[in-house]
Amino acid sequence: MVNPNRPRYECTFVNLSLRGGFLTSWKRDEYREVVQQHADEGWRLVQAFAPALGVCGAARQVDLIFEREIDG
């Protein structure tokens, strides 16, 4: 049963591809822009998830997970 007094959240996911498994300087800038843009829209960064998909376990992408409270 859903508690009507408990806040509810919606989530969105943003995928950033990495070069060679590393967050290069241009990707750091893109990462910061994405986080700031979502924060301006009321989203909160919950987690940056980088699954090991490449050679020797290096990540090829980062998923940024955002949430915000649903009104009502």
PDB file of N, CA and C in Angstrom:
ATOM      1  N   MET A   1       0.840  -1.168   0.000  1.00  0.00           N
ATOM      2  CA  MET A   1       0.000   0.000   0.000  1.00  0.00           C
ATOM      3  C   MET A   1       0.892   1.242   0.000  1.00  0.00           C
ATOM      4  N   VAL A   2       0.532   2.243  -0.790  1.00  0.00           N
ATOM      5  CA  VAL A   2       1.290   3.479  -0.914  1.00  0.00           C
ATOM      6  C   VAL A   2       0.894   4.428   0.210  1.00  0.00           C
ATOM      7  N   ASN A   3       1.878   4.951   0.896  1.00  0.00           N
ATOM      8  CA  ASN A   3       1.638   5.921   1.961  1.00  0.00           C
ATOM      9  C   ASN A   3       1.425   7.290   1.324  1.00  0.00           C
ATOM     10  N   PRO A   4       0.242   7.905   1.449  1.00  0.00           N
ATOM     11  CA  PRO A   4      -0.025   9.190   0.800  1.00  0.00           C
ATOM     12  C   PRO A   4       0.781  10.347   1.388  1.00  0.00           C
ATOM     13  N   ASN A   5       1.347  10.166   2.587  1.00  0.00           N
ATOM     14  CA  ASN A   5       2.142  11.227   3.222  1.00  0.00           C
ATOM     15  C   ASN A   5       3.617  11.170   2.840  1.00  0.00           C
ATOM     16  N   ARG A   6       3.999  10.102   2.196  1.00  0.00           N
ATOM     17  CA  ARG A   6       5.407   9.928   1.806  1.00  0.00           C
ATOM     18  C   ARG A   6       5.643  10.602   0.460  1.00  0.00           C
ATOM     19  N   PRO A   7       6.739  11.367   0.332  1.00  0.00           N
ATOM     20  CA  PRO A   7       7.001  12.024  -0.965  1.00  0.00           C
ATOM     21  C   PRO A   7       7.247  11.002  -2.063  1.00  0.00           C
ATOM     22  N   ARG A   8       6.857  11.366  -3.280  1.00  0.00           N
ATOM     23  CA  ARG A   8       7.071  10.519  -4.454  1.00  0.00           C
ATOM     24  C   ARG A   8       8.057  11.233  -5.372  1.00  0.00           C
ATOM     25  N   TYR A   9       8.820  10.453  -6.112  1.00  0.00           N
ATOM     26  CA  TYR A   9       9.858  11.002  -6.964  1.00  0.00           C
ATOM     27  C   TYR A   9       9.746  10.456  -8.378  1.00  0.00           C
ATOM     28  N   GLU A  10      10.179  11.264  -9.335  1.00  0.00           N
ATOM     29  CA  GLU A  10      10.369  10.799 -10.698  1.00  0.00           C
ATOM     30  C   GLU A  10      11.865  10.837 -10.982  1.00  0.00           C
ATOM     31  N   CYS A  11      12.305   9.988 -11.886  1.00  0.00           N
ATOM     32  CA  CYS A  11      13.734   9.897 -12.207  1.00  0.00           C
ATOM     33  C   CYS A  11      13.945  10.134 -13.691  1.00  0.00           C
ATOM     34  N   THR A  12      15.143  10.601 -14.008  1.00  0.00           N
ATOM     35  CA  THR A  12      15.568  10.688 -15.403  1.00  0.00           C
ATOM     36  C   THR A  12      17.029  10.266 -15.456  1.00  0.00           C
ATOM     37  N   PHE A  13      17.431   9.765 -16.603  1.00  0.00           N
ATOM     38  CA  PHE A  13      18.779   9.227 -16.785  1.00  0.00           C
ATOM     39  C   PHE A  13      19.429   9.904 -17.981  1.00  0.00           C
ATOM     40  N   VAL A  14      20.698  10.269 -17.827  1.00  0.00           N
ATOM     41  CA  VAL A  14      21.462  10.880 -18.918  1.00  0.00           C
ATOM     42  C   VAL A  14      22.718  10.039 -19.110  1.00  0.00           C
ATOM     43  N   ASN A  15      22.961   9.613 -20.343  1.00  0.00           N
ATOM     44  CA  ASN A  15      24.114   8.782 -20.651  1.00  0.00           C
ATOM     45  C   ASN A  15      25.199   9.633 -21.308  1.00  0.00           C
ATOM     46  N   LEU A  16      26.406   9.556 -20.749  1.00  0.00           N
ATOM     47  CA  LEU A  16      27.570  10.229 -21.337  1.00  0.00           C
ATOM     48  C   LEU A  16      28.571   9.157 -21.759  1.00  0.00           C
ATOM     49  N   SER A  17      28.961   9.174 -23.018  1.00  0.00           N
ATOM     50  CA  SER A  17      29.975   8.234 -23.500  1.00  0.00           C
ATOM     51  C   SER A  17      31.353   8.734 -23.100  1.00  0.00           C
ATOM     52  N   LEU A  18      32.251   7.798 -22.826  1.00  0.00           N
ATOM     53  CA  LEU A  18      33.618   8.142 -22.436  1.00  0.00           C
ATOM     54  C   LEU A  18      34.573   7.802 -23.567  1.00  0.00           C
ATOM     55  N   ARG A  19      35.680   8.504 -23.601  1.00  0.00           N
ATOM     56  CA  ARG A  19      36.748   8.212 -24.568  1.00  0.00           C
ATOM     57  C   ARG A  19      37.791   7.340 -23.888  1.00  0.00           C
ATOM     58  N   GLY A  20      37.967   6.149 -24.386  1.00  0.00           N
ATOM     59  CA  GLY A  20      39.001   5.271 -23.840  1.00  0.00           C
ATOM     60  C   GLY A  20      38.795   4.910 -22.380  1.00  0.00           C
ATOM     61  N   GLY A  21      37.565   5.024 -21.881  1.00  0.00           N
ATOM     62  CA  GLY A  21      37.284   4.666 -20.500  1.00  0.00           C
ATOM     63  C   GLY A  21      37.614   5.751 -19.501  1.00  0.00           C
ATOM     64  N   PHE A  22      37.921   6.958 -19.972  1.00  0.00           N
ATOM     65  CA  PHE A  22      38.306   8.031 -19.057  1.00  0.00           C
ATOM     66  C   PHE A  22      37.401   9.242 -19.244  1.00  0.00           C
ATOM     67  N   LEU A  23      37.182   9.965 -18.167  1.00  0.00           N
ATOM     68  CA  LEU A  23      36.421  11.210 -18.209  1.00  0.00           C
ATOM     69  C   LEU A  23      37.410  12.320 -18.584  1.00  0.00           C
ATOM     70  N   THR A  24      37.550  12.561 -19.882  1.00  0.00           N
ATOM     71  CA  THR A  24      38.500  13.555 -20.369  1.00  0.00           C
ATOM     72  C   THR A  24      38.007  14.956 -20.020  1.00  0.00           C
ATOM     73  N   SER A  25      38.869  15.951 -20.214  1.00  0.00           N
ATOM     74  CA  SER A  25      38.520  17.313 -19.810  1.00  0.00           C
ATOM     75  C   SER A  25      37.263  17.812 -20.516  1.00  0.00           C
ATOM     76  N   TRP A  26      37.088  17.480 -21.792  1.00  0.00           N
ATOM     77  CA  TRP A  26      35.879  17.948 -22.485  1.00  0.00           C
ATOM     78  C   TRP A  26      34.643  17.242 -21.943  1.00  0.00           C
ATOM     79  N   LYS A  27      34.767  16.020 -21.486  1.00  0.00           N
ATOM     80  CA  LYS A  27      33.640  15.318 -20.887  1.00  0.00           C
ATOM     81  C   LYS A  27      33.343  15.871 -19.493  1.00  0.00           C
ATOM     82  N   ARG A  28      34.373  16.298 -18.760  1.00  0.00           N
ATOM     83  CA  ARG A  28      34.129  16.919 -17.449  1.00  0.00           C
ATOM     84  C   ARG A  28      33.295  18.168 -17.614  1.00  0.00           C
ATOM     85  N   ASP A  29      33.599  18.948 -18.645  1.00  0.00           N
ATOM     86  CA  ASP A  29      32.815  20.155 -18.908  1.00  0.00           C
ATOM     87  C   ASP A  29      31.376  19.795 -19.269  1.00  0.00           C
ATOM     88  N   GLU A  30      31.204  18.773 -20.106  1.00  0.00           N
ATOM     89  CA  GLU A  30      29.860  18.332 -20.488  1.00  0.00           C
ATOM     90  C   GLU A  30      29.109  17.817 -19.264  1.00  0.00           C
ATOM     91  N   TYR A  31      29.781  17.040 -18.429  1.00  0.00           N
ATOM     92  CA  TYR A  31      29.197  16.509 -17.198  1.00  0.00           C
ATOM     93  C   TYR A  31      28.686  17.646 -16.325  1.00  0.00           C
ATOM     94  N   ARG A  32      29.506  18.654 -16.133  1.00  0.00           N
ATOM     95  CA  ARG A  32      29.115  19.785 -15.285  1.00  0.00           C
ATOM     96  C   ARG A  32      27.942  20.559 -15.877  1.00  0.00           C
ATOM     97  N   GLU A  33      27.934  20.738 -17.183  1.00  0.00           N
ATOM     98  CA  GLU A  33      26.820  21.418 -17.851  1.00  0.00           C
ATOM     99  C   GLU A  33      25.523  20.651 -17.666  1.00  0.00           C
ATOM    100  N   VAL A  34      25.580  19.335 -17.837  1.00  0.00           N
ATOM    101  CA  VAL A  34      24.388  18.497 -17.695  1.00  0.00           C
ATOM    102  C   VAL A  34      23.858  18.573 -16.271  1.00  0.00           C
ATOM    103  N   VAL A  35      24.743  18.482 -15.283  1.00  0.00           N
ATOM    104  CA  VAL A  35      24.319  18.549 -13.879  1.00  0.00           C
ATOM    105  C   VAL A  35      23.698  19.905 -13.579  1.00  0.00           C
ATOM    106  N   GLN A  36      24.334  20.990 -14.021  1.00  0.00           N
ATOM    107  CA  GLN A  36      23.811  22.329 -13.749  1.00  0.00           C
ATOM    108  C   GLN A  36      22.463  22.551 -14.439  1.00  0.00           C
ATOM    109  N   GLN A  37      22.343  22.116 -15.685  1.00  0.00           N
ATOM    110  CA  GLN A  37      21.087  22.266 -16.425  1.00  0.00           C
ATOM    111  C   GLN A  37      19.951  21.538 -15.704  1.00  0.00           C
ATOM    112  N   HIS A  38      20.204  20.323 -15.270  1.00  0.00           N
ATOM    113  CA  HIS A  38      19.167  19.567 -14.569  1.00  0.00           C
ATOM    114  C   HIS A  38      18.851  20.191 -13.208  1.00  0.00           C
ATOM    115  N   ALA A  39      19.858  20.686 -12.512  1.00  0.00           N
ATOM    116  CA  ALA A  39      19.617  21.349 -11.223  1.00  0.00           C
ATOM    117  C   ALA A  39      18.741  22.579 -11.412  1.00  0.00           C
ATOM    118  N   ASP A  40      18.972  23.329 -12.475  1.00  0.00           N
ATOM    119  CA  ASP A  40      18.148  24.505 -12.771  1.00  0.00           C
ATOM    120  C   ASP A  40      16.694  24.124 -13.022  1.00  0.00           C
ATOM    121  N   GLU A  41      16.457  22.886 -13.471  1.00  0.00           N
ATOM    122  CA  GLU A  41      15.110  22.400 -13.757  1.00  0.00           C
ATOM    123  C   GLU A  41      14.496  21.660 -12.560  1.00  0.00           C
ATOM    124  N   GLY A  42      15.176  21.696 -11.415  1.00  0.00           N
ATOM    125  CA  GLY A  42      14.638  21.082 -10.200  1.00  0.00           C
ATOM    126  C   GLY A  42      15.057  19.650  -9.950  1.00  0.00           C
ATOM    127  N   TRP A  43      15.977  19.123 -10.768  1.00  0.00           N
ATOM    128  CA  TRP A  43      16.453  17.755 -10.587  1.00  0.00           C
ATOM    129  C   TRP A  43      17.617  17.740  -9.605  1.00  0.00           C
ATOM    130  N   ARG A  44      17.772  16.635  -8.903  1.00  0.00           N
ATOM    131  CA  ARG A  44      18.885  16.430  -7.977  1.00  0.00           C
ATOM    132  C   ARG A  44      19.673  15.218  -8.451  1.00  0.00           C
ATOM    133  N   LEU A  45      20.995  15.385  -8.558  1.00  0.00           N
ATOM    134  CA  LEU A  45      21.853  14.262  -8.957  1.00  0.00           C
ATOM    135  C   LEU A  45      21.886  13.250  -7.826  1.00  0.00           C
ATOM    136  N   VAL A  46      21.516  12.013  -8.140  1.00  0.00           N
ATOM    137  CA  VAL A  46      21.487  10.949  -7.143  1.00  0.00           C
ATOM    138  C   VAL A  46      22.755  10.114  -7.226  1.00  0.00           C
ATOM    139  N   GLN A  47      23.147   9.789  -8.468  1.00  0.00           N
ATOM    140  CA  GLN A  47      24.293   8.904  -8.635  1.00  0.00           C
ATOM    141  C   GLN A  47      24.849   9.000 -10.039  1.00  0.00           C
ATOM    142  N   ALA A  48      26.150   8.788 -10.154  1.00  0.00           N
ATOM    143  CA  ALA A  48      26.803   8.613 -11.447  1.00  0.00           C
ATOM    144  C   ALA A  48      27.241   7.156 -11.482  1.00  0.00           C
ATOM    145  N   PHE A  49      26.676   6.389 -12.405  1.00  0.00           N
ATOM    146  CA  PHE A  49      26.916   4.958 -12.499  1.00  0.00           C
ATOM    147  C   PHE A  49      27.717   4.666 -13.758  1.00  0.00           C
ATOM    148  N   ALA A  50      28.873   4.018 -13.591  1.00  0.00           N
ATOM    149  CA  ALA A  50      29.734   3.695 -14.729  1.00  0.00           C
ATOM    150  C   ALA A  50      29.933   2.185 -14.786  1.00  0.00           C
ATOM    151  N   PRO A  51      29.068   1.488 -15.529  1.00  0.00           N
ATOM    152  CA  PRO A  51      29.233   0.038 -15.629  1.00  0.00           C
ATOM    153  C   PRO A  51      30.502  -0.308 -16.404  1.00  0.00           C
ATOM    154  N   ALA A  52      31.171  -1.349 -15.977  1.00  0.00           N
ATOM    155  CA  ALA A  52      32.384  -1.801 -16.670  1.00  0.00           C
ATOM    156  C   ALA A  52      31.974  -2.526 -17.946  1.00  0.00           C
ATOM    157  N   LEU A  53      32.207  -1.898 -19.091  1.00  0.00           N
ATOM    158  CA  LEU A  53      31.798  -2.479 -20.366  1.00  0.00           C
ATOM    159  C   LEU A  53      32.957  -2.669 -21.339  1.00  0.00           C
ATOM    160  N   GLY A  54      34.109  -2.145 -20.999  1.00  0.00           N
ATOM    161  CA  GLY A  54      35.223  -2.160 -21.941  1.00  0.00           C
ATOM    162  C   GLY A  54      36.310  -3.137 -21.540  1.00  0.00           C
ATOM    163  N   VAL A  55      37.456  -2.967 -22.165  1.00  0.00           N
ATOM    164  CA  VAL A  55      38.617  -3.816 -21.920  1.00  0.00           C
ATOM    165  C   VAL A  55      39.113  -3.610 -20.493  1.00  0.00           C
ATOM    166  N   CYS A  56      39.445  -4.677 -19.833  1.00  0.00           N
ATOM    167  CA  CYS A  56      39.972  -4.656 -18.462  1.00  0.00           C
ATOM    168  C   CYS A  56      39.029  -3.954 -17.485  1.00  0.00           C
ATOM    169  N   GLY A  57      37.757  -3.980 -17.766  1.00  0.00           N
ATOM    170  CA  GLY A  57      36.779  -3.401 -16.849  1.00  0.00           C
ATOM    171  C   GLY A  57      36.627  -1.899 -16.931  1.00  0.00           C
ATOM    172  N   ALA A  58      37.246  -1.273 -17.941  1.00  0.00           N
ATOM    173  CA  ALA A  58      37.132   0.181 -18.083  1.00  0.00           C
ATOM    174  C   ALA A  58      35.725   0.542 -18.556  1.00  0.00           C
ATOM    175  N   ALA A  59      35.171   1.587 -17.984  1.00  0.00           N
ATOM    176  CA  ALA A  59      33.831   2.035 -18.366  1.00  0.00           C
ATOM    177  C   ALA A  59      33.893   2.766 -19.706  1.00  0.00           C
ATOM    178  N   ARG A  60      32.860   2.573 -20.511  1.00  0.00           N
ATOM    179  CA  ARG A  60      32.750   3.289 -21.785  1.00  0.00           C
ATOM    180  C   ARG A  60      31.661   4.345 -21.728  1.00  0.00           C
ATOM    181  N   GLN A  61      30.933   4.367 -20.622  1.00  0.00           N
ATOM    182  CA  GLN A  61      29.859   5.335 -20.472  1.00  0.00           C
ATOM    183  C   GLN A  61      29.608   5.601 -18.999  1.00  0.00           C
ATOM    184  N   VAL A  62      28.951   6.701 -18.725  1.00  0.00           N
ATOM    185  CA  VAL A  62      28.517   7.043 -17.383  1.00  0.00           C
ATOM    186  C   VAL A  62      27.044   7.399 -17.483  1.00  0.00           C
ATOM    187  N   ASP A  63      26.236   6.807 -16.637  1.00  0.00           N
ATOM    188  CA  ASP A  63      24.830   7.164 -16.552  1.00  0.00           C
ATOM    189  C   ASP A  63      24.654   8.084 -15.350  1.00  0.00           C
ATOM    190  N   LEU A  64      24.153   9.289 -15.584  1.00  0.00           N
ATOM    191  CA  LEU A  64      23.839  10.206 -14.509  1.00  0.00           C
ATOM    192  C   LEU A  64      22.374  10.005 -14.150  1.00  0.00           C
ATOM    193  N   ILE A  65      22.096   9.772 -12.880  1.00  0.00           N
ATOM    194  CA  ILE A  65      20.746   9.492 -12.429  1.00  0.00           C
ATOM    195  C   ILE A  65      20.268  10.687 -11.602  1.00  0.00           C
ATOM    196  N   PHE A  66      19.155  11.271 -12.024  1.00  0.00           N
ATOM    197  CA  PHE A  66      18.585  12.434 -11.359  1.00  0.00           C
ATOM    198  C   PHE A  66      17.192  12.101 -10.841  1.00  0.00           C
ATOM    199  N   GLU A  67      16.777  12.785  -9.773  1.00  0.00           N
ATOM    200  CA  GLU A  67      15.415  12.645  -9.267  1.00  0.00           C
ATOM    201  C   GLU A  67      14.882  14.013  -8.866  1.00  0.00           C
ATOM    202  N   ARG A  68      13.553  14.111  -8.834  1.00  0.00           N
ATOM    203  CA  ARG A  68      12.893  15.286  -8.289  1.00  0.00           C
ATOM    204  C   ARG A  68      11.543  14.850  -7.738  1.00  0.00           C
ATOM    205  N   GLU A  69      11.122  15.561  -6.711  1.00  0.00           N
ATOM    206  CA  GLU A  69       9.869  15.224  -6.057  1.00  0.00           C
ATOM    207  C   GLU A  69       8.686  15.563  -6.954  1.00  0.00           C
ATOM    208  N   ILE A  70       7.706  14.666  -6.940  1.00  0.00           N
ATOM    209  CA  ILE A  70       6.475  14.883  -7.709  1.00  0.00           C
ATOM    210  C   ILE A  70       5.500  15.637  -6.812  1.00  0.00           C
ATOM    211  N   ASP A  71       4.965  16.730  -7.300  1.00  0.00           N
ATOM    212  CA  ASP A  71       3.975  17.495  -6.535  1.00  0.00           C
ATOM    213  C   ASP A  71       2.654  16.764  -6.517  1.00  0.00           C
ATOM    214  N   GLY A  72       2.005  16.846  -5.364  1.00  0.00           N
ATOM    215  CA  GLY A  72       0.644  16.297  -5.264  1.00  0.00           C
ATOM    216  C   GLY A  72       0.665  14.845  -5.117  1.00  0.00           C
TER     217      GLY A  72
END
